[in-house]
Amino acid sequence: LDIGVGTGALSFLLLTGDPAARGVGIELQPRLAALARRGAEHNGFGGRFAVLEGDARAVALEGPFDLVATNPPFQVVGEGNLPPDPER
């Protein structure tokens, strides 16, 4: 399970290392979720990797998972300096 999958780079690396592995990625941002789906198909992982779009706190998952990876922005929502690009 890759929470905040982005474009899928970490998941693709893990899938490449184990041909029997299967994975699920969750991404909040629609454009990044679409890129992860395209990348999975382009790299031959389409049958082994699913991308769910939405807030990880609200997405229904079927587990268990042997590995969970994430790289979230560790900030309180609404605090800090926001970048001018809303996707960042």
N, C-alpha and C. Protein backbone atom coordinates (compact mmCIF):
# COMPACT_ATOMS: atom_id res chain seq x y z
N LEU A 1 0.86 -1.18 0.00
CA LEU A 1 0.00 0.00 0.00
C LEU A 1 0.89 1.23 0.00
N ASP A 2 0.67 2.10 -0.99
CA ASP A 2 1.43 3.34 -1.09
C ASP A 2 0.45 4.49 -0.89
N ILE A 3 0.52 5.13 0.26
CA ILE A 3 -0.39 6.23 0.60
C ILE A 3 0.26 7.52 0.12
N GLY A 4 -0.42 8.24 -0.75
CA GLY A 4 0.16 9.42 -1.37
C GLY A 4 1.07 8.99 -2.50
N VAL A 5 0.58 8.13 -3.35
CA VAL A 5 1.39 7.47 -4.38
C VAL A 5 2.01 8.44 -5.38
N GLY A 6 1.46 9.63 -5.53
CA GLY A 6 2.01 10.57 -6.50
C GLY A 6 1.95 9.98 -7.90
N THR A 7 3.07 9.98 -8.59
CA THR A 7 3.11 9.42 -9.94
C THR A 7 3.44 7.93 -9.95
N GLY A 8 3.70 7.35 -8.79
CA GLY A 8 3.89 5.91 -8.69
C GLY A 8 5.32 5.41 -8.63
N ALA A 9 6.30 6.30 -8.61
CA ALA A 9 7.70 5.88 -8.70
C ALA A 9 8.11 4.83 -7.66
N LEU A 10 7.78 5.06 -6.40
CA LEU A 10 8.17 4.10 -5.36
C LEU A 10 7.48 2.76 -5.57
N SER A 11 6.21 2.78 -5.86
CA SER A 11 5.47 1.53 -6.09
C SER A 11 6.05 0.76 -7.27
N PHE A 12 6.39 1.47 -8.35
CA PHE A 12 6.93 0.80 -9.53
C PHE A 12 8.27 0.15 -9.19
N LEU A 13 9.07 0.83 -8.41
CA LEU A 13 10.35 0.27 -7.99
C LEU A 13 10.14 -1.02 -7.19
N LEU A 14 9.20 -1.00 -6.27
CA LEU A 14 8.92 -2.19 -5.46
C LEU A 14 8.35 -3.32 -6.31
N LEU A 15 7.48 -3.00 -7.25
CA LEU A 15 6.90 -4.03 -8.12
C LEU A 15 7.95 -4.65 -9.03
N THR A 16 8.90 -3.86 -9.46
CA THR A 16 9.98 -4.36 -10.32
C THR A 16 10.83 -5.38 -9.58
N GLY A 17 11.03 -5.16 -8.28
CA GLY A 17 11.87 -6.04 -7.48
C GLY A 17 11.26 -7.39 -7.17
N ASP A 18 9.95 -7.52 -7.34
CA ASP A 18 9.28 -8.79 -7.02
C ASP A 18 8.15 -9.02 -8.03
N PRO A 19 8.37 -9.86 -9.02
CA PRO A 19 7.36 -10.10 -10.05
C PRO A 19 6.04 -10.66 -9.52
N ALA A 20 6.03 -11.20 -8.31
CA ALA A 20 4.79 -11.73 -7.74
C ALA A 20 4.05 -10.68 -6.91
N ALA A 21 4.67 -9.54 -6.68
CA ALA A 21 4.06 -8.51 -5.83
C ALA A 21 2.88 -7.84 -6.51
N ARG A 22 1.93 -7.43 -5.68
CA ARG A 22 0.77 -6.66 -6.12
C ARG A 22 0.68 -5.45 -5.21
N GLY A 23 0.09 -4.36 -5.71
CA GLY A 23 0.04 -3.17 -4.89
C GLY A 23 -1.19 -2.32 -5.14
N VAL A 24 -1.39 -1.40 -4.20
CA VAL A 24 -2.46 -0.41 -4.27
C VAL A 24 -1.84 0.93 -3.91
N GLY A 25 -2.16 1.94 -4.69
CA GLY A 25 -1.73 3.29 -4.39
C GLY A 25 -2.94 4.17 -4.17
N ILE A 26 -2.84 5.09 -3.24
CA ILE A 26 -3.91 6.05 -2.98
C ILE A 26 -3.34 7.44 -3.23
N GLU A 27 -4.09 8.25 -3.99
CA GLU A 27 -3.64 9.60 -4.29
C GLU A 27 -4.82 10.56 -4.23
N LEU A 28 -4.64 11.65 -3.53
CA LEU A 28 -5.67 12.68 -3.37
C LEU A 28 -5.82 13.55 -4.61
N GLN A 29 -4.73 13.83 -5.29
CA GLN A 29 -4.74 14.76 -6.42
C GLN A 29 -5.06 14.02 -7.72
N PRO A 30 -6.15 14.40 -8.38
CA PRO A 30 -6.59 13.68 -9.59
C PRO A 30 -5.53 13.59 -10.69
N ARG A 31 -4.80 14.67 -10.94
CA ARG A 31 -3.80 14.64 -12.00
C ARG A 31 -2.70 13.63 -11.70
N LEU A 32 -2.25 13.58 -10.45
CA LEU A 32 -1.20 12.63 -10.08
C LEU A 32 -1.72 11.20 -10.11
N ALA A 33 -2.96 10.99 -9.68
CA ALA A 33 -3.55 9.65 -9.75
C ALA A 33 -3.62 9.18 -11.20
N ALA A 34 -3.99 10.07 -12.11
CA ALA A 34 -4.05 9.71 -13.53
C ALA A 34 -2.66 9.36 -14.06
N LEU A 35 -1.65 10.12 -13.64
CA LEU A 35 -0.28 9.82 -14.07
C LEU A 35 0.18 8.47 -13.53
N ALA A 36 -0.17 8.15 -12.30
CA ALA A 36 0.20 6.85 -11.72
C ALA A 36 -0.47 5.72 -12.49
N ARG A 37 -1.73 5.90 -12.86
CA ARG A 37 -2.43 4.87 -13.64
C ARG A 37 -1.76 4.69 -15.01
N ARG A 38 -1.45 5.81 -15.66
CA ARG A 38 -0.78 5.74 -16.97
C ARG A 38 0.58 5.07 -16.84
N GLY A 39 1.32 5.43 -15.80
CA GLY A 39 2.63 4.83 -15.58
C GLY A 39 2.55 3.33 -15.33
N ALA A 40 1.55 2.92 -14.57
CA ALA A 40 1.37 1.49 -14.29
C ALA A 40 1.11 0.72 -15.58
N GLU A 41 0.25 1.24 -16.43
CA GLU A 41 -0.04 0.58 -17.70
C GLU A 41 1.20 0.59 -18.59
N HIS A 42 1.84 1.73 -18.70
CA HIS A 42 3.01 1.88 -19.56
C HIS A 42 4.15 0.94 -19.15
N ASN A 43 4.28 0.69 -17.86
CA ASN A 43 5.37 -0.15 -17.35
C ASN A 43 4.97 -1.61 -17.16
N GLY A 44 3.76 -1.96 -17.57
CA GLY A 44 3.33 -3.37 -17.50
C GLY A 44 2.84 -3.81 -16.14
N PHE A 45 2.48 -2.87 -15.26
CA PHE A 45 2.01 -3.22 -13.93
C PHE A 45 0.49 -3.15 -13.79
N GLY A 46 -0.21 -2.85 -14.88
CA GLY A 46 -1.65 -2.64 -14.82
C GLY A 46 -2.42 -3.75 -14.13
N GLY A 47 -2.03 -4.98 -14.33
CA GLY A 47 -2.72 -6.10 -13.69
C GLY A 47 -2.30 -6.35 -12.26
N ARG A 48 -1.24 -5.66 -11.82
CA ARG A 48 -0.72 -5.90 -10.47
C ARG A 48 -0.80 -4.67 -9.58
N PHE A 49 -1.25 -3.54 -10.13
CA PHE A 49 -1.23 -2.31 -9.36
C PHE A 49 -2.49 -1.49 -9.64
N ALA A 50 -3.20 -1.15 -8.58
CA ALA A 50 -4.42 -0.34 -8.69
C ALA A 50 -4.19 1.00 -8.02
N VAL A 51 -4.71 2.05 -8.63
CA VAL A 51 -4.62 3.39 -8.06
C VAL A 51 -6.02 3.84 -7.67
N LEU A 52 -6.18 4.17 -6.40
CA LEU A 52 -7.44 4.70 -5.89
C LEU A 52 -7.28 6.20 -5.70
N GLU A 53 -8.28 6.94 -6.10
CA GLU A 53 -8.23 8.39 -5.98
C GLU A 53 -9.11 8.83 -4.82
N GLY A 54 -8.54 9.61 -3.91
CA GLY A 54 -9.30 10.12 -2.78
C GLY A 54 -8.42 10.34 -1.57
N ASP A 55 -9.06 10.76 -0.51
CA ASP A 55 -8.40 11.00 0.76
C ASP A 55 -8.14 9.66 1.44
N ALA A 56 -6.90 9.39 1.78
CA ALA A 56 -6.54 8.10 2.38
C ALA A 56 -7.33 7.82 3.65
N ARG A 57 -7.78 8.87 4.32
CA ARG A 57 -8.56 8.66 5.55
C ARG A 57 -9.97 8.18 5.26
N ALA A 58 -10.41 8.28 4.00
CA ALA A 58 -11.79 7.93 3.69
C ALA A 58 -11.92 6.79 2.67
N VAL A 59 -10.82 6.35 2.09
CA VAL A 59 -10.87 5.30 1.07
C VAL A 59 -11.00 3.94 1.74
N ALA A 60 -11.96 3.14 1.27
CA ALA A 60 -12.14 1.79 1.80
C ALA A 60 -11.11 0.87 1.15
N LEU A 61 -10.36 0.17 1.97
CA LEU A 61 -9.30 -0.72 1.48
C LEU A 61 -9.57 -2.15 1.87
N GLU A 62 -9.10 -3.05 1.04
CA GLU A 62 -9.14 -4.46 1.38
C GLU A 62 -7.72 -4.90 1.68
N GLY A 63 -7.43 -5.22 2.90
CA GLY A 63 -6.10 -5.64 3.31
C GLY A 63 -6.13 -7.10 3.64
N PRO A 64 -5.19 -7.57 4.34
CA PRO A 64 -4.07 -6.85 4.94
C PRO A 64 -2.98 -6.56 3.90
N PHE A 65 -2.03 -5.71 4.28
CA PHE A 65 -0.91 -5.35 3.42
C PHE A 65 0.37 -5.74 4.13
N ASP A 66 1.31 -6.28 3.36
CA ASP A 66 2.61 -6.66 3.92
C ASP A 66 3.53 -5.47 4.10
N LEU A 67 3.28 -4.39 3.35
CA LEU A 67 4.14 -3.22 3.40
C LEU A 67 3.29 -1.99 3.17
N VAL A 68 3.50 -0.96 3.97
CA VAL A 68 2.82 0.33 3.79
C VAL A 68 3.89 1.40 3.68
N ALA A 69 3.81 2.18 2.60
CA ALA A 69 4.76 3.28 2.38
C ALA A 69 3.98 4.57 2.28
N THR A 70 4.57 5.65 2.77
CA THR A 70 3.95 6.96 2.64
C THR A 70 5.00 8.05 2.76
N ASN A 71 4.71 9.16 2.15
CA ASN A 71 5.57 10.33 2.25
C ASN A 71 4.67 11.56 2.29
N PRO A 72 3.87 11.67 3.33
CA PRO A 72 2.91 12.78 3.39
C PRO A 72 3.58 14.10 3.81
N PRO A 73 2.89 15.19 3.54
CA PRO A 73 3.39 16.47 4.06
C PRO A 73 3.04 16.56 5.55
N PHE A 74 4.01 16.48 6.39
CA PHE A 74 3.76 16.45 7.84
C PHE A 74 3.51 17.85 8.36
N GLN A 75 2.37 18.41 8.00
CA GLN A 75 1.97 19.73 8.47
C GLN A 75 0.51 19.70 8.88
N VAL A 76 0.18 20.52 9.82
CA VAL A 76 -1.21 20.66 10.23
C VAL A 76 -1.96 21.37 9.11
N VAL A 77 -3.13 20.84 8.73
CA VAL A 77 -3.92 21.45 7.66
C VAL A 77 -4.25 22.89 8.02
N GLY A 78 -4.01 23.79 7.07
CA GLY A 78 -4.32 25.20 7.27
C GLY A 78 -3.22 26.01 7.91
N GLU A 79 -2.10 25.39 8.24
CA GLU A 79 -0.99 26.11 8.86
C GLU A 79 0.22 26.10 7.94
N GLY A 80 1.14 27.00 8.18
CA GLY A 80 2.36 27.07 7.40
C GLY A 80 2.20 27.95 6.18
N ASN A 81 3.25 28.03 5.40
CA ASN A 81 3.26 28.83 4.18
C ASN A 81 2.91 27.93 3.00
N LEU A 82 1.84 28.25 2.33
CA LEU A 82 1.41 27.44 1.19
C LEU A 82 2.12 27.91 -0.07
N PRO A 83 2.55 26.97 -0.93
CA PRO A 83 3.19 27.35 -2.19
C PRO A 83 2.16 27.94 -3.14
N PRO A 84 2.59 28.74 -4.12
CA PRO A 84 1.64 29.34 -5.05
C PRO A 84 0.96 28.29 -5.95
N ASP A 85 1.60 27.15 -6.19
CA ASP A 85 1.01 26.09 -6.99
C ASP A 85 0.14 25.22 -6.07
N PRO A 86 -1.18 25.21 -6.24
CA PRO A 86 -2.04 24.46 -5.33
C PRO A 86 -1.78 22.96 -5.31
N GLU A 87 -1.14 22.44 -6.36
CA GLU A 87 -0.86 21.01 -6.40
C GLU A 87 0.30 20.63 -5.49
N ARG A 88 1.08 21.58 -5.05
CA ARG A 88 2.21 21.32 -4.15
C ARG A 88 1.76 21.43 -2.72
